[in-house]
Amino acid sequence: MPLRLGSRGSPLARWQAQEVQRRLAALGQSCEIVLVQTTGDRRTDVSLATLGGKGLFTRELELELAGHRLDAAVHSLKDVPSLLPQGMALAAILEREDPHDALIAAPGMRWDQLAHGARVGTSSLRRQAQALALRPDLRILPLRGNVDTRLRRWRDGDFDALLLAAAGLKRLGRADAIAEILPADQFCPSAGQGALALECRADDHATWTALQPLNHAATAVAVTAERALLQRLECGCQAPVGAYARMEAAPDECDYLVLSAVIASADGQRLVRRHSQISLPALDAAPAAEVAARRLGLAVAEALLGAGAAAILRESYA
């Protein structure tokens, strides 16, 4: 029987679900896509931070899973809370697309060339905080809606520039709108940005087995570090926190996992960055590699807390 694959209804979410459907079909597993509207999709009249930040784009899909009306759900991993509901599990993390943030502006325009007081649209408190830390002269304005809606409002002149995830633009064939890919040392991405996650019931071994071949070990290990950091900070997906882990090879031929993280106040006036690295066991020894990655995430979280991250987080939720 085909797997019932749950997805949000936005064009990007549908593309992501269809990509999973294509990959499963190549493995001989058929599936049908079931569209589910989430709180984050319904409430486009207020900011994501105002709505609470946790599970805004996943909660309804998880309710459908729990009720056995879906077999699996496709998520943008950056939207998935670091603690899953009881009885749920991430069966696979797909290979990451470009994790960086992107500047949408006139062709050839760069971040440091934006005019004084330029109107920049974003729905992300993390992007807002890092943008104002770099350019306090800018006017950061709220912007909700799907990718095409945001691009249309920019083209209509409502904004001088936008900040969006590069991955979504590339997946939808809108990369031509990107003026600049923003470096991670200035705009640290959201934990899980660019990666897709497949969630199922923890006791559904048949679905787990069907989805596992789509798991990309290097991406799964990297996002384990990022999500461990979020879990230790006890913050939601919409918090002004960036976390970006990547594999780097060293001269001694060991693989290293490097994690960079940032937390900033909404006005950009207080910002803390920390990073660290750890040598990894072989990726084919997945449990050991993920334990090491989690240890790295917790260590960088502790470094952030020691530098005042808790106070910044409390301020952002006030």
C-alpha atoms as a PDB file:
ATOM      1  CA  MET A   1       0.000   0.000   0.000  1.00  0.00           C
ATOM      2  CA  PRO A   2       1.185   3.563  -0.657  1.00  0.00           C
ATOM      3  CA  LEU A   3       2.504   5.575   2.267  1.00  0.00           C
ATOM      4  CA  ARG A   4       0.379   8.560   3.227  1.00  0.00           C
ATOM      5  CA  LEU A   5       2.839  11.452   3.236  1.00  0.00           C
ATOM      6  CA  GLY A   6       1.710  14.617   5.000  1.00  0.00           C
ATOM      7  CA  SER A   7       2.737  18.087   3.889  1.00  0.00           C
ATOM      8  CA  ARG A   8       1.835  21.713   4.320  1.00  0.00           C
ATOM      9  CA  GLY A   9       0.122  23.269   1.322  1.00  0.00           C
ATOM     10  CA  SER A  10       2.557  26.038   0.350  1.00  0.00           C
ATOM     11  CA  PRO A  11       4.289  25.739  -3.026  1.00  0.00           C
ATOM     12  CA  LEU A  12       7.636  25.100  -1.316  1.00  0.00           C
ATOM     13  CA  ALA A  13       6.179  22.464   1.025  1.00  0.00           C
ATOM     14  CA  ARG A  14       4.486  20.722  -1.906  1.00  0.00           C
ATOM     15  CA  TRP A  15       7.770  20.742  -3.852  1.00  0.00           C
ATOM     16  CA  GLN A  16       9.512  19.167  -0.872  1.00  0.00           C
ATOM     17  CA  ALA A  17       6.865  16.465  -0.495  1.00  0.00           C
ATOM     18  CA  GLN A  18       6.960  15.718  -4.216  1.00  0.00           C
ATOM     19  CA  GLU A  19      10.745  15.404  -4.053  1.00  0.00           C
ATOM     20  CA  VAL A  20      10.404  12.835  -1.264  1.00  0.00           C
ATOM     21  CA  GLN A  21       7.704  11.077  -3.297  1.00  0.00           C
ATOM     22  CA  ARG A  22      10.059  10.914  -6.308  1.00  0.00           C
ATOM     23  CA  ARG A  23      12.918   9.519  -4.256  1.00  0.00           C
ATOM     24  CA  LEU A  24      10.730   6.893  -2.629  1.00  0.00           C
ATOM     25  CA  ALA A  25       9.303   5.897  -6.024  1.00  0.00           C
ATOM     26  CA  ALA A  26      12.867   5.325  -7.257  1.00  0.00           C
ATOM     27  CA  LEU A  27      13.242   2.857  -4.388  1.00  0.00           C
ATOM     28  CA  GLY A  28      10.009   1.082  -5.326  1.00  0.00           C
ATOM     29  CA  GLN A  29       7.901   2.643  -2.552  1.00  0.00           C
ATOM     30  CA  SER A  30       4.755   4.447  -3.678  1.00  0.00           C
ATOM     31  CA  CYS A  31       3.169   7.194  -1.626  1.00  0.00           C
ATOM     32  CA  GLU A  32       0.343   9.702  -1.804  1.00  0.00           C
ATOM     33  CA  ILE A  33       0.635  13.289  -0.574  1.00  0.00           C
ATOM     34  CA  VAL A  34      -1.935  14.565   1.915  1.00  0.00           C
ATOM     35  CA  LEU A  35      -2.058  18.343   2.459  1.00  0.00           C
ATOM     36  CA  VAL A  36      -2.589  19.654   5.991  1.00  0.00           C
ATOM     37  CA  GLN A  37      -2.976  23.304   7.011  1.00  0.00           C
ATOM     38  CA  THR A  38      -0.964  24.351  10.048  1.00  0.00           C
ATOM     39  CA  THR A  39      -1.271  27.193  12.554  1.00  0.00           C
ATOM     40  CA  GLY A  40       1.663  28.982  10.959  1.00  0.00           C
ATOM     41  CA  ASP A  41      -0.074  28.837   7.560  1.00  0.00           C
ATOM     42  CA  ARG A  42      -3.415  30.103   8.884  1.00  0.00           C
ATOM     43  CA  ARG A  43      -2.090  32.998  10.969  1.00  0.00           C
ATOM     44  CA  THR A  44      -0.212  35.198   8.531  1.00  0.00           C
ATOM     45  CA  ASP A  45      -1.585  38.349  10.193  1.00  0.00           C
ATOM     46  CA  VAL A  46       0.902  38.278  13.108  1.00  0.00           C
ATOM     47  CA  SER A  47       4.610  37.547  13.530  1.00  0.00           C
ATOM     48  CA  LEU A  48       5.804  34.003  14.130  1.00  0.00           C
ATOM     49  CA  ALA A  49       7.434  35.088  17.397  1.00  0.00           C
ATOM     50  CA  THR A  50       4.074  36.419  18.617  1.00  0.00           C
ATOM     51  CA  LEU A  51       2.430  33.063  17.843  1.00  0.00           C
ATOM     52  CA  GLY A  52       4.822  31.311  20.213  1.00  0.00           C
ATOM     53  CA  GLY A  53       7.457  29.797  17.959  1.00  0.00           C
ATOM     54  CA  LYS A  54       7.196  26.059  18.778  1.00  0.00           C
ATOM     55  CA  GLY A  55       5.477  23.660  16.428  1.00  0.00           C
ATOM     56  CA  LEU A  56       3.727  26.328  14.365  1.00  0.00           C
ATOM     57  CA  PHE A  57       4.312  24.411  11.125  1.00  0.00           C
ATOM     58  CA  THR A  58       4.389  20.864  12.517  1.00  0.00           C
ATOM     59  CA  ARG A  59       1.741  20.450  15.238  1.00  0.00           C
ATOM     60  CA  GLU A  60      -1.224  19.646  12.999  1.00  0.00           C
ATOM     61  CA  LEU A  61       0.817  17.201  10.932  1.00  0.00           C
ATOM     62  CA  GLU A  62       1.855  15.426  14.127  1.00  0.00           C
ATOM     63  CA  LEU A  63      -1.773  15.207  15.244  1.00  0.00           C
ATOM     64  CA  GLU A  64      -2.610  13.526  11.931  1.00  0.00           C
ATOM     65  CA  LEU A  65       0.291  11.126  12.456  1.00  0.00           C
ATOM     66  CA  ALA A  66      -0.824  10.324  16.003  1.00  0.00           C
ATOM     67  CA  GLY A  67      -4.342   9.655  14.713  1.00  0.00           C
ATOM     68  CA  HIS A  68      -2.979   7.208  12.103  1.00  0.00           C
ATOM     69  CA  ARG A  69      -4.331   9.377   9.280  1.00  0.00           C
ATOM     70  CA  LEU A  70      -0.779   9.829   7.996  1.00  0.00           C
ATOM     71  CA  ASP A  71       2.172   7.463   7.877  1.00  0.00           C
ATOM     72  CA  ALA A  72       4.860  10.149   7.656  1.00  0.00           C
ATOM     73  CA  ALA A  73       5.234  13.920   7.431  1.00  0.00           C
ATOM     74  CA  VAL A  74       7.689  16.046   5.465  1.00  0.00           C
ATOM     75  CA  HIS A  75       9.068  19.063   7.326  1.00  0.00           C
ATOM     76  CA  SER A  76      11.606  21.775   6.783  1.00  0.00           C
ATOM     77  CA  LEU A  77      13.851  20.751   9.656  1.00  0.00           C
ATOM     78  CA  LYS A  78      14.302  24.342  10.830  1.00  0.00           C
ATOM     79  CA  ASP A  79      10.570  24.318  11.720  1.00  0.00           C
ATOM     80  CA  VAL A  80      10.778  21.143  13.841  1.00  0.00           C
ATOM     81  CA  PRO A  81      11.092  21.730  17.618  1.00  0.00           C
ATOM     82  CA  SER A  82      14.203  20.208  19.169  1.00  0.00           C
ATOM     83  CA  LEU A  83      11.999  18.016  21.395  1.00  0.00           C
ATOM     84  CA  LEU A  84       9.493  15.864  19.493  1.00  0.00           C
ATOM     85  CA  PRO A  85       6.119  14.867  20.929  1.00  0.00           C
ATOM     86  CA  GLN A  86       6.098  11.544  22.721  1.00  0.00           C
ATOM     87  CA  GLY A  87       5.728   8.671  20.291  1.00  0.00           C
ATOM     88  CA  MET A  88       7.217  10.541  17.318  1.00  0.00           C
ATOM     89  CA  ALA A  89      10.614  10.069  15.665  1.00  0.00           C
ATOM     90  CA  LEU A  90      12.647  11.505  12.807  1.00  0.00           C
ATOM     91  CA  ALA A  91      13.171   8.564  10.471  1.00  0.00           C
ATOM     92  CA  ALA A  92      15.374  10.352   7.923  1.00  0.00           C
ATOM     93  CA  ILE A  93      17.155  13.648   7.293  1.00  0.00           C
ATOM     94  CA  LEU A  94      17.715  14.323   3.605  1.00  0.00           C
ATOM     95  CA  GLU A  95      20.930  15.800   2.228  1.00  0.00           C
ATOM     96  CA  ARG A  96      21.072  19.490   2.945  1.00  0.00           C
ATOM     97  CA  GLU A  97      20.534  22.144   0.302  1.00  0.00           C
ATOM     98  CA  ASP A  98      22.422  25.458   0.644  1.00  0.00           C
ATOM     99  CA  PRO A  99      21.968  26.398   4.353  1.00  0.00           C
ATOM    100  CA  HIS A 100      22.760  30.109   3.976  1.00  0.00           C
ATOM    101  CA  ASP A 101      20.543  33.165   4.075  1.00  0.00           C
ATOM    102  CA  ALA A 102      20.144  35.128   0.859  1.00  0.00           C
ATOM    103  CA  LEU A 103      19.730  38.815   0.089  1.00  0.00           C
ATOM    104  CA  ILE A 104      16.994  39.614  -2.410  1.00  0.00           C
ATOM    105  CA  ALA A 105      17.718  43.009  -3.945  1.00  0.00           C
ATOM    106  CA  ALA A 106      18.472  44.680  -7.251  1.00  0.00           C
ATOM    107  CA  PRO A 107      20.912  42.687  -9.409  1.00  0.00           C
ATOM    108  CA  GLY A 108      24.495  43.276  -8.346  1.00  0.00           C
ATOM    109  CA  MET A 109      23.486  44.792  -5.007  1.00  0.00           C
ATOM    110  CA  ARG A 110      25.382  43.620  -1.946  1.00  0.00           C
ATOM    111  CA  TRP A 111      24.454  43.749   1.729  1.00  0.00           C
ATOM    112  CA  ASP A 112      26.906  46.516   2.557  1.00  0.00           C
ATOM    113  CA  GLN A 113      25.663  48.567  -0.409  1.00  0.00           C
ATOM    114  CA  LEU A 114      22.046  48.867   0.735  1.00  0.00           C
ATOM    115  CA  ALA A 115      21.064  52.506   1.137  1.00  0.00           C
ATOM    116  CA  HIS A 116      20.902  54.066   4.593  1.00  0.00           C
ATOM    117  CA  GLY A 117      17.426  53.372   5.975  1.00  0.00           C
ATOM    118  CA  ALA A 118      16.585  50.746   3.353  1.00  0.00           C
ATOM    119  CA  ARG A 119      13.401  48.763   4.018  1.00  0.00           C
ATOM    120  CA  VAL A 120      14.288  45.094   4.514  1.00  0.00           C
ATOM    121  CA  GLY A 121      11.563  42.454   4.871  1.00  0.00           C
ATOM    122  CA  THR A 122      11.860  39.268   6.908  1.00  0.00           C
ATOM    123  CA  SER A 123       9.676  37.020   9.069  1.00  0.00           C
ATOM    124  CA  SER A 124      12.668  35.798  11.109  1.00  0.00           C
ATOM    125  CA  LEU A 125      13.665  37.331  14.433  1.00  0.00           C
ATOM    126  CA  ARG A 126      17.083  35.658  13.985  1.00  0.00           C
ATOM    127  CA  ARG A 127      17.664  37.424  10.661  1.00  0.00           C
ATOM    128  CA  GLN A 128      16.361  40.706  12.055  1.00  0.00           C
ATOM    129  CA  ALA A 129      18.724  40.566  15.035  1.00  0.00           C
ATOM    130  CA  GLN A 130      21.811  39.766  12.979  1.00  0.00           C
ATOM    131  CA  ALA A 131      20.882  42.324  10.327  1.00  0.00           C
ATOM    132  CA  LEU A 132      20.574  45.120  12.881  1.00  0.00           C
ATOM    133  CA  ALA A 133      23.798  44.077  14.582  1.00  0.00           C
ATOM    134  CA  LEU A 134      25.545  44.716  11.259  1.00  0.00           C
ATOM    135  CA  ARG A 135      23.425  47.584   9.956  1.00  0.00           C
ATOM    136  CA  PRO A 136      21.478  49.419  12.703  1.00  0.00           C
ATOM    137  CA  ASP A 137      20.513  52.062  10.145  1.00  0.00           C
ATOM    138  CA  LEU A 138      18.198  49.692   8.272  1.00  0.00           C
ATOM    139  CA  ARG A 139      14.423  49.493   8.696  1.00  0.00           C
ATOM    140  CA  ILE A 140      13.577  45.826   9.316  1.00  0.00           C
ATOM    141  CA  LEU A 141       9.916  45.241   8.492  1.00  0.00           C
ATOM    142  CA  PRO A 142       7.751  42.129   9.071  1.00  0.00           C
ATOM    143  CA  LEU A 143       6.943  40.026   6.034  1.00  0.00           C
ATOM    144  CA  ARG A 144       4.869  36.818   6.013  1.00  0.00           C
ATOM    145  CA  GLY A 145       3.573  34.633   3.202  1.00  0.00           C
ATOM    146  CA  ASN A 146       4.976  32.080   0.802  1.00  0.00           C
ATOM    147  CA  VAL A 147       8.098  32.700  -1.268  1.00  0.00           C
ATOM    148  CA  ASP A 148       6.252  33.991  -4.344  1.00  0.00           C
ATOM    149  CA  THR A 149       4.128  36.355  -2.245  1.00  0.00           C
ATOM    150  CA  ARG A 150       7.236  37.833  -0.652  1.00  0.00           C
ATOM    151  CA  LEU A 151       9.014  38.208  -3.971  1.00  0.00           C
ATOM    152  CA  ARG A 152       5.957  39.894  -5.489  1.00  0.00           C
ATOM    153  CA  ARG A 153       5.780  42.443  -2.680  1.00  0.00           C
ATOM    154  CA  TRP A 154       9.474  43.219  -3.178  1.00  0.00           C
ATOM    155  CA  ARG A 155       8.994  43.651  -6.924  1.00  0.00           C
ATOM    156  CA  ASP A 156       5.949  45.854  -6.242  1.00  0.00           C
ATOM    157  CA  GLY A 157       8.187  48.203  -4.246  1.00  0.00           C
ATOM    158  CA  ASP A 158       6.934  47.465  -0.718  1.00  0.00           C
ATOM    159  CA  PHE A 159      10.519  46.615   0.290  1.00  0.00           C
ATOM    160  CA  ASP A 160      13.971  47.567  -0.929  1.00  0.00           C
ATOM    161  CA  ALA A 161      15.354  44.126  -0.073  1.00  0.00           C
ATOM    162  CA  LEU A 162      14.388  40.813   1.517  1.00  0.00           C
ATOM    163  CA  LEU A 163      16.173  38.227   3.630  1.00  0.00           C
ATOM    164  CA  LEU A 164      15.168  34.644   2.761  1.00  0.00           C
ATOM    165  CA  ALA A 165      16.604  31.138   2.970  1.00  0.00           C
ATOM    166  CA  ALA A 166      18.662  30.305  -0.102  1.00  0.00           C
ATOM    167  CA  ALA A 167      17.440  26.693  -0.038  1.00  0.00           C
ATOM    168  CA  GLY A 168      13.790  27.528  -0.665  1.00  0.00           C
ATOM    169  CA  LEU A 169      14.626  29.900  -3.496  1.00  0.00           C
ATOM    170  CA  LYS A 170      16.809  27.314  -5.183  1.00  0.00           C
ATOM    171  CA  ARG A 171      14.264  24.529  -4.765  1.00  0.00           C
ATOM    172  CA  LEU A 172      11.529  26.644  -6.361  1.00  0.00           C
ATOM    173  CA  GLY A 173      13.721  27.802  -9.232  1.00  0.00           C
ATOM    174  CA  ARG A 174      13.865  31.385  -7.915  1.00  0.00           C
ATOM    175  CA  ALA A 175      17.637  31.597  -7.476  1.00  0.00           C
ATOM    176  CA  ASP A 176      17.738  34.356 -10.108  1.00  0.00           C
ATOM    177  CA  ALA A 177      16.274  36.704  -7.478  1.00  0.00           C
ATOM    178  CA  ILE A 178      19.312  36.255  -5.198  1.00  0.00           C
ATOM    179  CA  ALA A 179      21.610  39.272  -5.169  1.00  0.00           C
ATOM    180  CA  GLU A 180      24.025  37.820  -2.611  1.00  0.00           C
ATOM    181  CA  ILE A 181      24.492  34.642  -0.592  1.00  0.00           C
ATOM    182  CA  LEU A 182      25.202  35.944   2.906  1.00  0.00           C
ATOM    183  CA  PRO A 183      28.232  34.477   4.716  1.00  0.00           C
ATOM    184  CA  ALA A 184      27.525  32.357   7.770  1.00  0.00           C
ATOM    185  CA  ASP A 185      29.971  34.331   9.893  1.00  0.00           C
ATOM    186  CA  GLN A 186      27.678  37.351   9.503  1.00  0.00           C
ATOM    187  CA  PHE A 187      24.289  35.649   9.160  1.00  0.00           C
ATOM    188  CA  CYS A 188      24.497  32.377  11.052  1.00  0.00           C
ATOM    189  CA  PRO A 189      21.712  30.142   9.668  1.00  0.00           C
ATOM    190  CA  SER A 190      18.870  28.676  11.672  1.00  0.00           C
ATOM    191  CA  ALA A 191      19.411  25.181  13.092  1.00  0.00           C
ATOM    192  CA  GLY A 192      18.440  22.695  10.409  1.00  0.00           C
ATOM    193  CA  GLN A 193      18.116  25.291   7.659  1.00  0.00           C
ATOM    194  CA  GLY A 194      18.216  23.722   4.212  1.00  0.00           C
ATOM    195  CA  ALA A 195      17.502  20.169   5.448  1.00  0.00           C
ATOM    196  CA  LEU A 196      14.287  18.168   5.096  1.00  0.00           C
ATOM    197  CA  ALA A 197      13.085  15.831   7.848  1.00  0.00           C
ATOM    198  CA  LEU A 198      10.763  12.841   7.609  1.00  0.00           C
ATOM    199  CA  GLU A 199       8.793  12.197  10.785  1.00  0.00           C
ATOM    200  CA  CYS A 200       6.798   9.085  11.632  1.00  0.00           C
ATOM    201  CA  ARG A 201       5.422   7.278  14.664  1.00  0.00           C
ATOM    202  CA  ALA A 202       8.249   5.744  16.665  1.00  0.00           C
ATOM    203  CA  ASP A 203       6.500   2.359  16.765  1.00  0.00           C
ATOM    204  CA  ASP A 204       5.788   2.250  13.007  1.00  0.00           C
ATOM    205  CA  HIS A 205       8.731   0.082  12.035  1.00  0.00           C
ATOM    206  CA  ALA A 206       7.514  -0.523   8.474  1.00  0.00           C
ATOM    207  CA  THR A 207       7.401   3.198   7.667  1.00  0.00           C
ATOM    208  CA  TRP A 208      10.718   3.784   9.430  1.00  0.00           C
ATOM    209  CA  THR A 209      12.333   1.064   7.308  1.00  0.00           C
ATOM    210  CA  ALA A 210      10.870   2.531   4.104  1.00  0.00           C
ATOM    211  CA  LEU A 211      12.165   6.022   4.879  1.00  0.00           C
ATOM    212  CA  GLN A 212      15.627   5.150   6.213  1.00  0.00           C
ATOM    213  CA  PRO A 213      17.314   4.837   2.779  1.00  0.00           C
ATOM    214  CA  LEU A 214      16.717   8.573   2.288  1.00  0.00           C
ATOM    215  CA  ASN A 215      18.760   9.458   5.384  1.00  0.00           C
ATOM    216  CA  HIS A 216      21.988  11.372   4.656  1.00  0.00           C
ATOM    217  CA  ALA A 217      24.462  10.525   7.403  1.00  0.00           C
ATOM    218  CA  ALA A 218      26.623  13.675   7.227  1.00  0.00           C
ATOM    219  CA  THR A 219      23.598  15.987   7.313  1.00  0.00           C
ATOM    220  CA  ALA A 220      21.996  14.000  10.133  1.00  0.00           C
ATOM    221  CA  VAL A 221      25.119  14.292  12.275  1.00  0.00           C
ATOM    222  CA  ALA A 222      25.491  18.029  11.617  1.00  0.00           C
ATOM    223  CA  VAL A 223      21.900  18.860  12.505  1.00  0.00           C
ATOM    224  CA  THR A 224      22.134  16.704  15.638  1.00  0.00           C
ATOM    225  CA  ALA A 225      24.691  19.210  16.971  1.00  0.00           C
ATOM    226  CA  GLU A 226      22.545  22.184  15.992  1.00  0.00           C
ATOM    227  CA  ARG A 227      19.385  20.794  17.556  1.00  0.00           C
ATOM    228  CA  ALA A 228      21.189  19.761  20.752  1.00  0.00           C
ATOM    229  CA  LEU A 229      22.226  23.396  21.145  1.00  0.00           C
ATOM    230  CA  LEU A 230      18.616  24.577  20.780  1.00  0.00           C
ATOM    231  CA  GLN A 231      17.433  21.976  23.259  1.00  0.00           C
ATOM    232  CA  ARG A 232      19.959  23.087  25.880  1.00  0.00           C
ATOM    233  CA  LEU A 233      18.992  26.728  25.383  1.00  0.00           C
ATOM    234  CA  GLU A 234      15.310  25.725  25.732  1.00  0.00           C
ATOM    235  CA  CYS A 235      14.317  27.982  22.871  1.00  0.00           C
ATOM    236  CA  GLY A 236      11.917  27.612  19.994  1.00  0.00           C
ATOM    237  CA  CYS A 237      12.525  27.575  16.260  1.00  0.00           C
ATOM    238  CA  GLN A 238      11.728  31.305  15.982  1.00  0.00           C
ATOM    239  CA  ALA A 239      14.205  32.432  18.668  1.00  0.00           C
ATOM    240  CA  PRO A 240      17.022  34.824  17.624  1.00  0.00           C
ATOM    241  CA  VAL A 241      19.498  31.928  17.629  1.00  0.00           C
ATOM    242  CA  GLY A 242      21.644  30.681  14.779  1.00  0.00           C
ATOM    243  CA  ALA A 243      23.443  27.329  14.733  1.00  0.00           C
ATOM    244  CA  TYR A 244      25.421  25.946  11.826  1.00  0.00           C
ATOM    245  CA  ALA A 245      27.451  22.723  11.870  1.00  0.00           C
ATOM    246  CA  ARG A 246      29.542  21.418   9.009  1.00  0.00           C
ATOM    247  CA  MET A 247      32.142  18.752   8.378  1.00  0.00           C
ATOM    248  CA  GLU A 248      35.721  19.778   7.753  1.00  0.00           C
ATOM    249  CA  ALA A 249      38.705  17.605   6.930  1.00  0.00           C
ATOM    250  CA  ALA A 250      41.940  18.257   8.824  1.00  0.00           C
ATOM    251  CA  PRO A 251      45.569  17.519   7.799  1.00  0.00           C
ATOM    252  CA  ASP A 252      45.569  14.473  10.074  1.00  0.00           C
ATOM    253  CA  GLU A 253      42.772  13.077   7.859  1.00  0.00           C
ATOM    254  CA  CYS A 254      40.286  13.005  10.728  1.00  0.00           C
ATOM    255  CA  ASP A 255      36.830  14.366  10.091  1.00  0.00           C
ATOM    256  CA  TYR A 256      35.913  17.288  12.298  1.00  0.00           C
ATOM    257  CA  LEU A 257      32.474  18.659  13.014  1.00  0.00           C
ATOM    258  CA  VAL A 258      32.614  22.433  13.466  1.00  0.00           C
ATOM    259  CA  LEU A 259      29.680  24.224  15.095  1.00  0.00           C
ATOM    260  CA  SER A 260      29.193  27.995  15.010  1.00  0.00           C
ATOM    261  CA  ALA A 261      26.360  29.642  16.919  1.00  0.00           C
ATOM    262  CA  VAL A 262      25.047  33.103  17.633  1.00  0.00           C
ATOM    263  CA  ILE A 263      22.388  34.640  19.819  1.00  0.00           C
ATOM    264  CA  ALA A 264      21.350  38.284  19.516  1.00  0.00           C
ATOM    265  CA  SER A 265      18.801  40.663  20.949  1.00  0.00           C
ATOM    266  CA  ALA A 266      15.995  41.668  18.596  1.00  0.00           C
ATOM    267  CA  ASP A 267      17.467  45.157  18.161  1.00  0.00           C
ATOM    268  CA  GLY A 268      20.913  43.746  17.379  1.00  0.00           C
ATOM    269  CA  GLN A 269      22.587  45.681  20.188  1.00  0.00           C
ATOM    270  CA  ARG A 270      23.648  42.568  22.118  1.00  0.00           C
ATOM    271  CA  LEU A 271      25.174  39.669  20.225  1.00  0.00           C
ATOM    272  CA  VAL A 272      27.224  36.669  21.329  1.00  0.00           C
ATOM    273  CA  ARG A 273      29.031  34.261  18.989  1.00  0.00           C
ATOM    274  CA  ARG A 274      30.732  31.025  19.960  1.00  0.00           C
ATOM    275  CA  HIS A 275      32.140  28.086  18.032  1.00  0.00           C
ATOM    276  CA  SER A 276      33.917  24.821  18.689  1.00  0.00           C
ATOM    277  CA  GLN A 277      34.788  21.562  16.971  1.00  0.00           C
ATOM    278  CA  ILE A 278      35.104  17.884  17.727  1.00  0.00           C
ATOM    279  CA  SER A 279      36.716  14.946  15.945  1.00  0.00           C
ATOM    280  CA  LEU A 280      34.148  12.470  14.726  1.00  0.00           C
ATOM    281  CA  PRO A 281      33.999   8.696  14.638  1.00  0.00           C
ATOM    282  CA  ALA A 282      33.350   7.283  11.185  1.00  0.00           C
ATOM    283  CA  LEU A 283      29.906   8.205   9.879  1.00  0.00           C
ATOM    284  CA  ASP A 284      29.105   4.551   9.285  1.00  0.00           C
ATOM    285  CA  ALA A 285      29.203   4.253  13.080  1.00  0.00           C
ATOM    286  CA  ALA A 286      26.155   6.517  13.213  1.00  0.00           C
ATOM    287  CA  PRO A 287      25.238   6.250  16.920  1.00  0.00           C
ATOM    288  CA  ALA A 288      28.762   7.163  18.063  1.00  0.00           C
ATOM    289  CA  ALA A 289      28.974  10.066  15.594  1.00  0.00           C
ATOM    290  CA  GLU A 290      25.619  11.440  16.734  1.00  0.00           C
ATOM    291  CA  VAL A 291      26.631  11.159  20.398  1.00  0.00           C
ATOM    292  CA  ALA A 292      29.746  13.206  19.615  1.00  0.00           C
ATOM    293  CA  ALA A 293      27.693  15.748  17.681  1.00  0.00           C
ATOM    294  CA  ARG A 294      25.253  16.116  20.535  1.00  0.00           C
ATOM    295  CA  ARG A 295      28.150  16.639  22.944  1.00  0.00           C
ATOM    296  CA  LEU A 296      29.454  19.420  20.701  1.00  0.00           C
ATOM    297  CA  GLY A 297      26.056  21.115  20.576  1.00  0.00           C
ATOM    298  CA  LEU A 298      25.721  21.074  24.344  1.00  0.00           C
ATOM    299  CA  ALA A 299      29.254  22.449  24.804  1.00  0.00           C
ATOM    300  CA  VAL A 300      28.637  25.414  22.496  1.00  0.00           C
ATOM    301  CA  ALA A 301      25.286  26.058  24.193  1.00  0.00           C
ATOM    302  CA  GLU A 302      27.038  26.183  27.560  1.00  0.00           C
ATOM    303  CA  ALA A 303      29.557  28.649  26.135  1.00  0.00           C
ATOM    304  CA  LEU A 304      26.705  30.866  24.948  1.00  0.00           C
ATOM    305  CA  LEU A 305      24.993  30.658  28.332  1.00  0.00           C
ATOM    306  CA  GLY A 306      28.228  31.556  30.060  1.00  0.00           C
ATOM    307  CA  ALA A 307      28.415  34.672  27.874  1.00  0.00           C
ATOM    308  CA  GLY A 308      24.918  35.896  28.776  1.00  0.00           C
ATOM    309  CA  ALA A 309      22.662  34.079  26.287  1.00  0.00           C
ATOM    310  CA  ALA A 310      19.931  33.397  28.863  1.00  0.00           C
ATOM    311  CA  ALA A 311      19.358  37.099  29.494  1.00  0.00           C
ATOM    312  CA  ILE A 312      19.153  37.814  25.770  1.00  0.00           C
ATOM    313  CA  LEU A 313      16.623  35.016  25.314  1.00  0.00           C
ATOM    314  CA  ARG A 314      14.474  36.262  28.187  1.00  0.00           C
ATOM    315  CA  GLU A 315      14.517  39.708  26.627  1.00  0.00           C
ATOM    316  CA  SER A 316      13.442  38.356  23.253  1.00  0.00           C
ATOM    317  CA  TYR A 317      10.405  36.615  24.804  1.00  0.00           C
ATOM    318  CA  ALA A 318       9.393  39.570  27.000  1.00  0.00           C
END
